[in-house]
Amino acid sequence: RAVPGALRKLDPREMWHNPVMFIVEIGAALTTLLAIAEP
């Protein structure tokens, strides 16, 4: 039941209130871009 709420919190405007997890989200986004570019 909490999954939809957790996904809504991925909004960077929400995430920056938690600096540690904001860094993780930036890392996840950067790694995703690298995965797309690797081929």
Full PDB file with SEQRES, HELIX, SHEET, SSBOND, CRYST1, ORIGX, SCALE, CONECT and MASTER records, all heavy atoms in Angstrom:
SEQRES   1 A   39  ARG ALA VAL PRO GLY ALA LEU ARG LYS LEU ASP PRO ARG          
SEQRES   2 A   39  GLU MET TRP HIS ASN PRO VAL MET PHE ILE VAL GLU ILE          
SEQRES   3 A   39  GLY ALA ALA LEU THR THR LEU LEU ALA ILE ALA GLU PRO          
HELIX    1 AA1 VAL A    3  ARG A    8  1                                   6    
HELIX    2 AA2 PRO A   12  MET A   15  1                                   4    
HELIX    3 AA3 PRO A   19  ALA A   37  1                                  19    
CRYST1    1.000    1.000    1.000  90.00  90.00  90.00 P 1           1          
ORIGX1      1.000000  0.000000  0.000000        0.00000                         
ORIGX2      0.000000  1.000000  0.000000        0.00000                         
ORIGX3      0.000000  0.000000  1.000000        0.00000                         
SCALE1      1.000000  0.000000  0.000000        0.00000                         
SCALE2      0.000000  1.000000  0.000000        0.00000                         
SCALE3      0.000000  0.000000  1.000000        0.00000                         
ATOM      1  N   ARG A   1       0.821  -1.217   0.000  1.00  0.00           N  
ATOM      2  CA  ARG A   1       0.000   0.000   0.000  1.00  0.00           C  
ATOM      3  C   ARG A   1       0.854   1.266   0.000  1.00  0.00           C  
ATOM      4  O   ARG A   1       0.403   2.333  -0.426  1.00  0.00           O  
ATOM      5  CB  ARG A   1      -0.926  -0.006   1.221  1.00  0.00           C  
ATOM      6  CG  ARG A   1      -2.036  -1.040   1.152  1.00  0.00           C  
ATOM      7  CD  ARG A   1      -3.068  -0.811   2.251  1.00  0.00           C  
ATOM      8  NE  ARG A   1      -2.493  -1.026   3.574  1.00  0.00           N  
ATOM      9  CZ  ARG A   1      -2.455  -2.199   4.195  1.00  0.00           C  
ATOM     10  NH1 ARG A   1      -2.945  -3.285   3.594  1.00  0.00           N  
ATOM     11  NH2 ARG A   1      -1.933  -2.325   5.397  1.00  0.00           N  
ATOM     12  N   ALA A   2       2.085   1.160   0.500  1.00  0.00           N  
ATOM     13  CA  ALA A   2       2.944   2.336   0.591  1.00  0.00           C  
ATOM     14  C   ALA A   2       3.745   2.590  -0.680  1.00  0.00           C  
ATOM     15  O   ALA A   2       4.338   3.667  -0.823  1.00  0.00           O  
ATOM     16  CB  ALA A   2       3.898   2.191   1.774  1.00  0.00           C  
ATOM     17  N   VAL A   3       3.777   1.617  -1.624  1.00  0.00           N  
ATOM     18  CA  VAL A   3       4.604   1.760  -2.827  1.00  0.00           C  
ATOM     19  C   VAL A   3       4.243   3.004  -3.639  1.00  0.00           C  
ATOM     20  O   VAL A   3       5.141   3.761  -4.043  1.00  0.00           O  
ATOM     21  CB  VAL A   3       4.530   0.486  -3.694  1.00  0.00           C  
ATOM     22  CG1 VAL A   3       5.122   0.736  -5.078  1.00  0.00           C  
ATOM     23  CG2 VAL A   3       5.273  -0.656  -3.020  1.00  0.00           C  
ATOM     24  N   PRO A   4       2.946   3.282  -3.925  1.00  0.00           N  
ATOM     25  CA  PRO A   4       2.640   4.504  -4.696  1.00  0.00           C  
ATOM     26  C   PRO A   4       3.178   5.766  -4.035  1.00  0.00           C  
ATOM     27  O   PRO A   4       3.722   6.646  -4.705  1.00  0.00           O  
ATOM     28  CB  PRO A   4       1.107   4.501  -4.764  1.00  0.00           C  
ATOM     29  CG  PRO A   4       0.727   3.054  -4.615  1.00  0.00           C  
ATOM     30  CD  PRO A   4       1.717   2.492  -3.660  1.00  0.00           C  
ATOM     31  N   GLY A   5       3.048   5.845  -2.714  1.00  0.00           N  
ATOM     32  CA  GLY A   5       3.574   7.007  -2.010  1.00  0.00           C  
ATOM     33  C   GLY A   5       5.081   7.098  -2.101  1.00  0.00           C  
ATOM     34  O   GLY A   5       5.649   8.189  -2.231  1.00  0.00           O  
ATOM     35  N   ALA A   6       5.757   5.939  -2.041  1.00  0.00           N  
ATOM     36  CA  ALA A   6       7.215   5.924  -2.149  1.00  0.00           C  
ATOM     37  C   ALA A   6       7.664   6.397  -3.531  1.00  0.00           C  
ATOM     38  O   ALA A   6       8.664   7.115  -3.662  1.00  0.00           O  
ATOM     39  CB  ALA A   6       7.738   4.520  -1.865  1.00  0.00           C  
ATOM     40  N   LEU A   7       6.933   6.011  -4.563  1.00  0.00           N  
ATOM     41  CA  LEU A   7       7.285   6.427  -5.927  1.00  0.00           C  
ATOM     42  C   LEU A   7       7.060   7.929  -6.120  1.00  0.00           C  
ATOM     43  O   LEU A   7       7.839   8.590  -6.810  1.00  0.00           O  
ATOM     44  CB  LEU A   7       6.466   5.625  -6.947  1.00  0.00           C  
ATOM     45  CG  LEU A   7       6.766   4.115  -7.000  1.00  0.00           C  
ATOM     46  CD1 LEU A   7       5.820   3.417  -7.970  1.00  0.00           C  
ATOM     47  CD2 LEU A   7       8.217   3.866  -7.392  1.00  0.00           C  
ATOM     48  N   ARG A   8       6.003   8.451  -5.501  1.00  0.00           N  
ATOM     49  CA  ARG A   8       5.752   9.892  -5.618  1.00  0.00           C  
ATOM     50  C   ARG A   8       6.863  10.705  -4.967  1.00  0.00           C  
ATOM     51  O   ARG A   8       7.152  11.827  -5.376  1.00  0.00           O  
ATOM     52  CB  ARG A   8       4.401  10.244  -4.978  1.00  0.00           C  
ATOM     53  CG  ARG A   8       3.191   9.855  -5.820  1.00  0.00           C  
ATOM     54  CD  ARG A   8       1.930  10.506  -5.296  1.00  0.00           C  
ATOM     55  NE  ARG A   8       1.592  10.022  -3.965  1.00  0.00           N  
ATOM     56  CZ  ARG A   8       0.817   8.968  -3.729  1.00  0.00           C  
ATOM     57  NH1 ARG A   8       0.295   8.284  -4.747  1.00  0.00           N  
ATOM     58  NH2 ARG A   8       0.550   8.591  -2.497  1.00  0.00           N  
ATOM     59  N   LYS A   9       7.489  10.147  -3.958  1.00  0.00           N  
ATOM     60  CA  LYS A   9       8.551  10.847  -3.258  1.00  0.00           C  
ATOM     61  C   LYS A   9       9.861  10.889  -4.042  1.00  0.00           C  
ATOM     62  O   LYS A   9      10.827  11.499  -3.598  1.00  0.00           O  
ATOM     63  CB  LYS A   9       8.795  10.197  -1.887  1.00  0.00           C  
ATOM     64  CG  LYS A   9       7.676  10.421  -0.882  1.00  0.00           C  
ATOM     65  CD  LYS A   9       7.960   9.700   0.426  1.00  0.00           C  
ATOM     66  CE  LYS A   9       6.859   9.958   1.432  1.00  0.00           C  
ATOM     67  NZ  LYS A   9       6.847  11.364   1.901  1.00  0.00           N  
ATOM     68  N   LEU A  10       9.911  10.233  -5.212  1.00  0.00           N  
ATOM     69  CA  LEU A  10      11.118  10.297  -6.036  1.00  0.00           C  
ATOM     70  C   LEU A  10      11.318  11.672  -6.653  1.00  0.00           C  
ATOM     71  O   LEU A  10      12.382  11.963  -7.198  1.00  0.00           O  
ATOM     72  CB  LEU A  10      11.050   9.239  -7.152  1.00  0.00           C  
ATOM     73  CG  LEU A  10      11.155   7.779  -6.698  1.00  0.00           C  
ATOM     74  CD1 LEU A  10      10.954   6.850  -7.879  1.00  0.00           C  
ATOM     75  CD2 LEU A  10      12.494   7.512  -6.041  1.00  0.00           C  
ATOM     76  N   ASP A  11      10.302  12.507  -6.571  1.00  0.00           N  
ATOM     77  CA  ASP A  11      10.408  13.880  -7.066  1.00  0.00           C  
ATOM     78  C   ASP A  11      11.596  14.568  -6.390  1.00  0.00           C  
ATOM     79  O   ASP A  11      11.661  14.641  -5.154  1.00  0.00           O  
ATOM     80  CB  ASP A  11       9.115  14.628  -6.726  1.00  0.00           C  
ATOM     81  CG  ASP A  11       9.070  16.028  -7.339  1.00  0.00           C  
ATOM     82  OD1 ASP A  11      10.148  16.582  -7.643  1.00  0.00           O  
ATOM     83  OD2 ASP A  11       7.955  16.563  -7.508  1.00  0.00           O  
ATOM     84  N   PRO A  12      12.567  15.065  -7.159  1.00  0.00           N  
ATOM     85  CA  PRO A  12      13.745  15.722  -6.556  1.00  0.00           C  
ATOM     86  C   PRO A  12      13.387  16.837  -5.587  1.00  0.00           C  
ATOM     87  O   PRO A  12      14.128  17.106  -4.639  1.00  0.00           O  
ATOM     88  CB  PRO A  12      14.508  16.263  -7.769  1.00  0.00           C  
ATOM     89  CG  PRO A  12      14.091  15.374  -8.901  1.00  0.00           C  
ATOM     90  CD  PRO A  12      12.655  15.018  -8.636  1.00  0.00           C  
ATOM     91  N   ARG A  13      12.248  17.485  -5.803  1.00  0.00           N  
ATOM     92  CA  ARG A  13      11.826  18.546  -4.891  1.00  0.00           C  
ATOM     93  C   ARG A  13      11.504  17.996  -3.507  1.00  0.00           C  
ATOM     94  O   ARG A  13      11.570  18.714  -2.508  1.00  0.00           O  
ATOM     95  CB  ARG A  13      10.608  19.276  -5.469  1.00  0.00           C  
ATOM     96  CG  ARG A  13      10.926  20.105  -6.710  1.00  0.00           C  
ATOM     97  CD  ARG A  13       9.680  20.623  -7.374  1.00  0.00           C  
ATOM     98  NE  ARG A  13       8.829  19.537  -7.857  1.00  0.00           N  
ATOM     99  CZ  ARG A  13       7.683  19.713  -8.505  1.00  0.00           C  
ATOM    100  NH1 ARG A  13       7.257  20.959  -8.750  1.00  0.00           N  
ATOM    101  NH2 ARG A  13       6.973  18.682  -8.916  1.00  0.00           N  
ATOM    102  N   GLU A  14      11.136  16.708  -3.458  1.00  0.00           N  
ATOM    103  CA  GLU A  14      10.920  16.030  -2.187  1.00  0.00           C  
ATOM    104  C   GLU A  14      12.230  15.468  -1.646  1.00  0.00           C  
ATOM    105  O   GLU A  14      12.518  15.542  -0.459  1.00  0.00           O  
ATOM    106  CB  GLU A  14       9.906  14.888  -2.364  1.00  0.00           C  
ATOM    107  CG  GLU A  14       8.496  15.324  -2.673  1.00  0.00           C  
ATOM    108  CD  GLU A  14       7.702  15.587  -1.413  1.00  0.00           C  
ATOM    109  OE1 GLU A  14       8.141  15.162  -0.332  1.00  0.00           O  
ATOM    110  OE2 GLU A  14       6.655  16.249  -1.523  1.00  0.00           O  
ATOM    111  N   MET A  15      13.034  14.891  -2.544  1.00  0.00           N  
ATOM    112  CA  MET A  15      14.226  14.166  -2.127  1.00  0.00           C  
ATOM    113  C   MET A  15      15.299  15.063  -1.533  1.00  0.00           C  
ATOM    114  O   MET A  15      16.066  14.618  -0.677  1.00  0.00           O  
ATOM    115  CB  MET A  15      14.811  13.392  -3.314  1.00  0.00           C  
ATOM    116  CG  MET A  15      13.955  12.234  -3.807  1.00  0.00           C  
ATOM    117  SD  MET A  15      13.716  10.942  -2.542  1.00  0.00           S  
ATOM    118  CE  MET A  15      15.409  10.472  -2.221  1.00  0.00           C  
ATOM    119  N   TRP A  16      15.387  16.304  -1.965  1.00  0.00           N  
ATOM    120  CA  TRP A  16      16.500  17.137  -1.497  1.00  0.00           C  
ATOM    121  C   TRP A  16      16.417  17.430  -0.002  1.00  0.00           C  
ATOM    122  O   TRP A  16      17.398  17.829   0.622  1.00  0.00           O  
ATOM    123  CB  TRP A  16      16.586  18.434  -2.305  1.00  0.00           C  
ATOM    124  CG  TRP A  16      15.599  19.496  -1.921  1.00  0.00           C  
ATOM    125  CD1 TRP A  16      14.356  19.670  -2.421  1.00  0.00           C  
ATOM    126  CD2 TRP A  16      15.792  20.531  -0.951  1.00  0.00           C  
ATOM    127  NE1 TRP A  16      13.741  20.741  -1.830  1.00  0.00           N  
ATOM    128  CE2 TRP A  16      14.611  21.285  -0.916  1.00  0.00           C  
ATOM    129  CE3 TRP A  16      16.851  20.880  -0.109  1.00  0.00           C  
ATOM    130  CZ2 TRP A  16      14.453  22.367  -0.069  1.00  0.00           C  
ATOM    131  CZ3 TRP A  16      16.687  21.960   0.746  1.00  0.00           C  
ATOM    132  CH2 TRP A  16      15.497  22.695   0.746  1.00  0.00           C  
ATOM    133  N   HIS A  17      15.229  17.200   0.607  1.00  0.00           N  
ATOM    134  CA  HIS A  17      15.095  17.364   2.055  1.00  0.00           C  
ATOM    135  C   HIS A  17      15.881  16.294   2.813  1.00  0.00           C  
ATOM    136  O   HIS A  17      16.153  16.451   4.001  1.00  0.00           O  
ATOM    137  CB  HIS A  17      13.624  17.308   2.467  1.00  0.00           C  
ATOM    138  CG  HIS A  17      12.812  18.465   1.950  1.00  0.00           C  
ATOM    139  ND1 HIS A  17      12.945  19.745   2.425  1.00  0.00           N  
ATOM    140  CD2 HIS A  17      11.865  18.528   0.981  1.00  0.00           C  
ATOM    141  CE1 HIS A  17      12.122  20.556   1.789  1.00  0.00           C  
ATOM    142  NE2 HIS A  17      11.452  19.848   0.906  1.00  0.00           N  
ATOM    143  N   ASN A  18      16.211  15.197   2.115  1.00  0.00           N  
ATOM    144  CA  ASN A  18      17.023  14.133   2.710  1.00  0.00           C  
ATOM    145  C   ASN A  18      18.338  14.071   1.936  1.00  0.00           C  
ATOM    146  O   ASN A  18      18.442  13.385   0.918  1.00  0.00           O  
ATOM    147  CB  ASN A  18      16.278  12.796   2.615  1.00  0.00           C  
ATOM    148  CG  ASN A  18      16.975  11.678   3.366  1.00  0.00           C  
ATOM    149  OD1 ASN A  18      18.184  11.729   3.612  1.00  0.00           O  
ATOM    150  ND2 ASN A  18      16.228  10.647   3.731  1.00  0.00           N  
ATOM    151  N   PRO A  19      19.368  14.803   2.371  1.00  0.00           N  
ATOM    152  CA  PRO A  19      20.601  14.947   1.579  1.00  0.00           C  
ATOM    153  C   PRO A  19      21.247  13.620   1.202  1.00  0.00           C  
ATOM    154  O   PRO A  19      21.742  13.472   0.080  1.00  0.00           O  
ATOM    155  CB  PRO A  19      21.515  15.769   2.495  1.00  0.00           C  
ATOM    156  CG  PRO A  19      20.595  16.487   3.421  1.00  0.00           C  
ATOM    157  CD  PRO A  19      19.439  15.565   3.619  1.00  0.00           C  
ATOM    158  N   VAL A  20      21.251  12.657   2.141  1.00  0.00           N  
ATOM    159  CA  VAL A  20      21.914  11.374   1.872  1.00  0.00           C  
ATOM    160  C   VAL A  20      21.242  10.653   0.709  1.00  0.00           C  
ATOM    161  O   VAL A  20      21.897  10.236  -0.263  1.00  0.00           O  
ATOM    162  CB  VAL A  20      21.915  10.488   3.132  1.00  0.00           C  
ATOM    163  CG1 VAL A  20      22.518   9.114   2.818  1.00  0.00           C  
ATOM    164  CG2 VAL A  20      22.701  11.156   4.259  1.00  0.00           C  
ATOM    165  N   MET A  21      19.923  10.537   0.782  1.00  0.00           N  
ATOM    166  CA  MET A  21      19.212   9.803  -0.268  1.00  0.00           C  
ATOM    167  C   MET A  21      19.139  10.618  -1.563  1.00  0.00           C  
ATOM    168  O   MET A  21      18.995  10.046  -2.648  1.00  0.00           O  
ATOM    169  CB  MET A  21      17.807   9.417   0.207  1.00  0.00           C  
ATOM    170  CG  MET A  21      17.789   8.517   1.439  1.00  0.00           C  
ATOM    171  SD  MET A  21      18.999   7.145   1.371  1.00  0.00           S  
ATOM    172  CE  MET A  21      18.478   6.275  -0.093  1.00  0.00           C  
ATOM    173  N   PHE A  22      19.242  11.934  -1.453  1.00  0.00           N  
ATOM    174  CA  PHE A  22      19.294  12.770  -2.660  1.00  0.00           C  
ATOM    175  C   PHE A  22      20.560  12.456  -3.457  1.00  0.00           C  
ATOM    176  O   PHE A  22      20.543  12.379  -4.690  1.00  0.00           O  
ATOM    177  CB  PHE A  22      19.242  14.246  -2.270  1.00  0.00           C  
ATOM    178  CG  PHE A  22      19.112  15.186  -3.440  1.00  0.00           C  
ATOM    179  CD1 PHE A  22      18.160  14.974  -4.434  1.00  0.00           C  
ATOM    180  CD2 PHE A  22      19.940  16.284  -3.554  1.00  0.00           C  
ATOM    181  CE1 PHE A  22      18.033  15.839  -5.508  1.00  0.00           C  
ATOM    182  CE2 PHE A  22      19.823  17.163  -4.621  1.00  0.00           C  
ATOM    183  CZ  PHE A  22      18.870  16.934  -5.606  1.00  0.00           C  
ATOM    184  N   ILE A  23      21.673  12.245  -2.741  1.00  0.00           N  
ATOM    185  CA  ILE A  23      22.923  11.861  -3.407  1.00  0.00           C  
ATOM    186  C   ILE A  23      22.761  10.505  -4.091  1.00  0.00           C  
ATOM    187  O   ILE A  23      23.220  10.300  -5.226  1.00  0.00           O  
ATOM    188  CB  ILE A  23      24.077  11.815  -2.387  1.00  0.00           C  
ATOM    189  CG1 ILE A  23      24.418  13.236  -1.925  1.00  0.00           C  
ATOM    190  CG2 ILE A  23      25.314  11.141  -2.981  1.00  0.00           C  
ATOM    191  CD1 ILE A  23      25.457  13.294  -0.823  1.00  0.00           C  
ATOM    192  N   VAL A  24      22.074   9.575  -3.409  1.00  0.00           N  
ATOM    193  CA  VAL A  24      21.846   8.258  -4.003  1.00  0.00           C  
ATOM    194  C   VAL A  24      20.995   8.386  -5.264  1.00  0.00           C  
ATOM    195  O   VAL A  24      21.255   7.728  -6.279  1.00  0.00           O  
ATOM    196  CB  VAL A  24      21.176   7.306  -2.987  1.00  0.00           C  
ATOM    197  CG1 VAL A  24      20.906   5.944  -3.630  1.00  0.00           C  
ATOM    198  CG2 VAL A  24      22.058   7.126  -1.753  1.00  0.00           C  
ATOM    199  N   GLU A  25      19.973   9.241  -5.223  1.00  0.00           N  
ATOM    200  CA  GLU A  25      19.118   9.424  -6.393  1.00  0.00           C  
ATOM    201  C   GLU A  25      19.908  10.017  -7.561  1.00  0.00           C  
ATOM    202  O   GLU A  25      19.746   9.600  -8.714  1.00  0.00           O  
ATOM    203  CB  GLU A  25      17.931  10.319  -6.054  1.00  0.00           C  
ATOM    204  CG  GLU A  25      16.952  10.433  -7.217  1.00  0.00           C  
ATOM    205  CD  GLU A  25      15.727  11.250  -6.874  1.00  0.00           C  
ATOM    206  OE1 GLU A  25      15.880  12.289  -6.204  1.00  0.00           O  
ATOM    207  OE2 GLU A  25      14.619  10.858  -7.280  1.00  0.00           O  
ATOM    208  N   ILE A  26      20.772  10.984  -7.274  1.00  0.00           N  
ATOM    209  CA  ILE A  26      21.610  11.552  -8.336  1.00  0.00           C  
ATOM    210  C   ILE A  26      22.510  10.464  -8.925  1.00  0.00           C  
ATOM    211  O   ILE A  26      22.675  10.356 -10.153  1.00  0.00           O  
ATOM    212  CB  ILE A  26      22.462  12.716  -7.780  1.00  0.00           C  
ATOM    213  CG1 ILE A  26      21.560  13.901  -7.402  1.00  0.00           C  
ATOM    214  CG2 ILE A  26      23.509  13.152  -8.805  1.00  0.00           C  
ATOM    215  CD1 ILE A  26      22.293  15.020  -6.702  1.00  0.00           C  
ATOM    216  N   GLY A  27      23.076   9.630  -8.040  1.00  0.00           N  
ATOM    217  CA  GLY A  27      23.911   8.517  -8.510  1.00  0.00           C  
ATOM    218  C   GLY A  27      23.132   7.540  -9.358  1.00  0.00           C  
ATOM    219  O   GLY A  27      23.635   7.042 -10.384  1.00  0.00           O  
ATOM    220  N   ALA A  28      21.884   7.266  -8.957  1.00  0.00           N  
ATOM    221  CA  ALA A  28      21.046   6.344  -9.726  1.00  0.00           C  
ATOM    222  C   ALA A  28      20.743   6.918 -11.108  1.00  0.00           C  
ATOM    223  O   ALA A  28      20.788   6.196 -12.123  1.00  0.00           O  
ATOM    224  CB  ALA A  28      19.751   6.064  -8.970  1.00  0.00           C  
ATOM    225  N   ALA A  29      20.442   8.207 -11.160  1.00  0.00           N  
ATOM    226  CA  ALA A  29      20.143   8.846 -12.448  1.00  0.00           C  
ATOM    227  C   ALA A  29      21.371   8.840 -13.356  1.00  0.00           C  
ATOM    228  O   ALA A  29      21.274   8.546 -14.564  1.00  0.00           O  
ATOM    229  CB  ALA A  29      19.651  10.271 -12.210  1.00  0.00           C  
ATOM    230  N   LEU A  30      22.544   9.161 -12.786  1.00  0.00           N  
ATOM    231  CA  LEU A  30      23.773   9.188 -13.578  1.00  0.00           C  
ATOM    232  C   LEU A  30      24.130   7.793 -14.093  1.00  0.00           C  
ATOM    233  O   LEU A  30      24.510   7.627 -15.266  1.00  0.00           O  
ATOM    234  CB  LEU A  30      24.911   9.746 -12.731  1.00  0.00           C  
ATOM    235  CG  LEU A  30      26.282   9.864 -13.410  1.00  0.00           C  
ATOM    236  CD1 LEU A  30      26.181  10.714 -14.679  1.00  0.00           C  
ATOM    237  CD2 LEU A  30      27.312  10.447 -12.452  1.00  0.00           C  
ATOM    238  N   THR A  31      23.969   6.792 -13.233  1.00  0.00           N  
ATOM    239  CA  THR A  31      24.266   5.410 -13.650  1.00  0.00           C  
ATOM    240  C   THR A  31      23.314   4.958 -14.741  1.00  0.00           C  
ATOM    241  O   THR A  31      23.707   4.244 -15.679  1.00  0.00           O  
ATOM    242  CB  THR A  31      24.176   4.460 -12.441  1.00  0.00           C  
ATOM    243  OG1 THR A  31      24.979   4.966 -11.376  1.00  0.00           O  
ATOM    244  CG2 THR A  31      24.679   3.066 -12.809  1.00  0.00           C  
ATOM    245  N   THR A  32      22.062   5.369 -14.650  1.00  0.00           N  
ATOM    246  CA  THR A  32      21.081   5.020 -15.685  1.00  0.00           C  
ATOM    247  C   THR A  32      21.485   5.625 -17.028  1.00  0.00           C  
ATOM    248  O   THR A  32      21.408   4.967 -18.082  1.00  0.00           O  
ATOM    249  CB  THR A  32      19.680   5.512 -15.282  1.00  0.00           C  
ATOM    250  OG1 THR A  32      19.325   4.935 -14.018  1.00  0.00           O  
ATOM    251  CG2 THR A  32      18.648   5.108 -16.322  1.00  0.00           C  
ATOM    252  N   LEU A  33      21.918   6.886 -17.013  1.00  0.00           N  
ATOM    253  CA  LEU A  33      22.363   7.533 -18.256  1.00  0.00           C  
ATOM    254  C   LEU A  33      23.581   6.813 -18.840  1.00  0.00           C  
ATOM    255  O   LEU A  33      23.686   6.620 -20.061  1.00  0.00           O  
ATOM    256  CB  LEU A  33      22.700   8.998 -17.994  1.00  0.00           C  
ATOM    257  CG  LEU A  33      21.514   9.912 -17.632  1.00  0.00           C  
ATOM    258  CD1 LEU A  33      22.009  11.316 -17.287  1.00  0.00           C  
ATOM    259  CD2 LEU A  33      20.521   9.976 -18.795  1.00  0.00           C  
ATOM    260  N   LEU A  34      24.502   6.386 -17.963  1.00  0.00           N  
ATOM    261  CA  LEU A  34      25.682   5.662 -18.430  1.00  0.00           C  
ATOM    262  C   LEU A  34      25.299   4.314 -19.035  1.00  0.00           C  
ATOM    263  O   LEU A  34      25.863   3.888 -20.050  1.00  0.00           O  
ATOM    264  CB  LEU A  34      26.662   5.444 -17.269  1.00  0.00           C  
ATOM    265  CG  LEU A  34      27.389   6.698 -16.766  1.00  0.00           C  
ATOM    266  CD1 LEU A  34      28.190   6.379 -15.508  1.00  0.00           C  
ATOM    267  CD2 LEU A  34      28.303   7.253 -17.849  1.00  0.00           C  
ATOM    268  N   ALA A  35      24.316   3.654 -18.421  1.00  0.00           N  
ATOM    269  CA  ALA A  35      23.858   2.359 -18.941  1.00  0.00           C  
ATOM    270  C   ALA A  35      23.246   2.524 -20.327  1.00  0.00           C  
ATOM    271  O   ALA A  35      23.427   1.673 -21.211  1.00  0.00           O  
ATOM    272  CB  ALA A  35      22.853   1.735 -17.979  1.00  0.00           C  
ATOM    273  N   ILE A  36      22.531   3.617 -20.525  1.00  0.00           N  
ATOM    274  CA  ILE A  36      21.928   3.875 -21.836  1.00  0.00           C  
ATOM    275  C   ILE A  36      23.011   4.188 -22.874  1.00  0.00           C  
ATOM    276  O   ILE A  36      22.926   3.781 -24.044  1.00  0.00           O  
ATOM    277  CB  ILE A  36      20.928   5.046 -21.733  1.00  0.00           C  
ATOM    278  CG1 ILE A  36      19.745   4.656 -20.834  1.00  0.00           C  
ATOM    279  CG2 ILE A  36      20.427   5.461 -23.109  1.00  0.00           C  
ATOM    280  CD1 ILE A  36      18.807   5.804 -20.514  1.00  0.00           C  
ATOM    281  N   ALA A  37      24.062   4.891 -22.424  1.00  0.00           N  
ATOM    282  CA  ALA A  37      25.102   5.334 -23.361  1.00  0.00           C  
ATOM    283  C   ALA A  37      26.146   4.263 -23.656  1.00  0.00           C  
ATOM    284  O   ALA A  37      26.871   4.373 -24.656  1.00  0.00           O  
ATOM    285  CB  ALA A  37      25.788   6.572 -22.801  1.00  0.00           C  
ATOM    286  N   GLU A  38      26.247   3.250 -22.806  1.00  0.00           N  
ATOM    287  CA  GLU A  38      27.315   2.259 -22.953  1.00  0.00           C  
ATOM    288  C   GLU A  38      27.359   1.563 -24.315  1.00  0.00           C  
ATOM    289  O   GLU A  38      28.449   1.321 -24.851  1.00  0.00           O  
ATOM    290  CB  GLU A  38      27.245   1.232 -21.826  1.00  0.00           C  
ATOM    291  CG  GLU A  38      28.034   1.672 -20.608  1.00  0.00           C  
ATOM    292  CD  GLU A  38      27.894   0.706 -19.457  1.00  0.00           C  
ATOM    293  OE1 GLU A  38      27.206  -0.327 -19.626  1.00  0.00           O  
ATOM    294  OE2 GLU A  38      28.469   0.975 -18.397  1.00  0.00           O  
ATOM    295  N   PRO A  39      26.246   1.203 -24.919  1.00  0.00           N  
ATOM    296  CA  PRO A  39      26.315   0.547 -26.239  1.00  0.00           C  
ATOM    297  C   PRO A  39      27.033   1.404 -27.288  1.00  0.00           C  
ATOM    298  O   PRO A  39      27.579   0.879 -28.254  1.00  0.00           O  
ATOM    299  CB  PRO A  39      24.846   0.334 -26.604  1.00  0.00           C  
ATOM    300  CG  PRO A  39      24.149   0.261 -25.287  1.00  0.00           C  
ATOM    301  CD  PRO A  39      24.866   1.240 -24.417  1.00  0.00           C  
TER     302      PRO A  39                                                      
MASTER        0    0    0    3    0    0    0    6  301    1    0    3          
END                                                                             
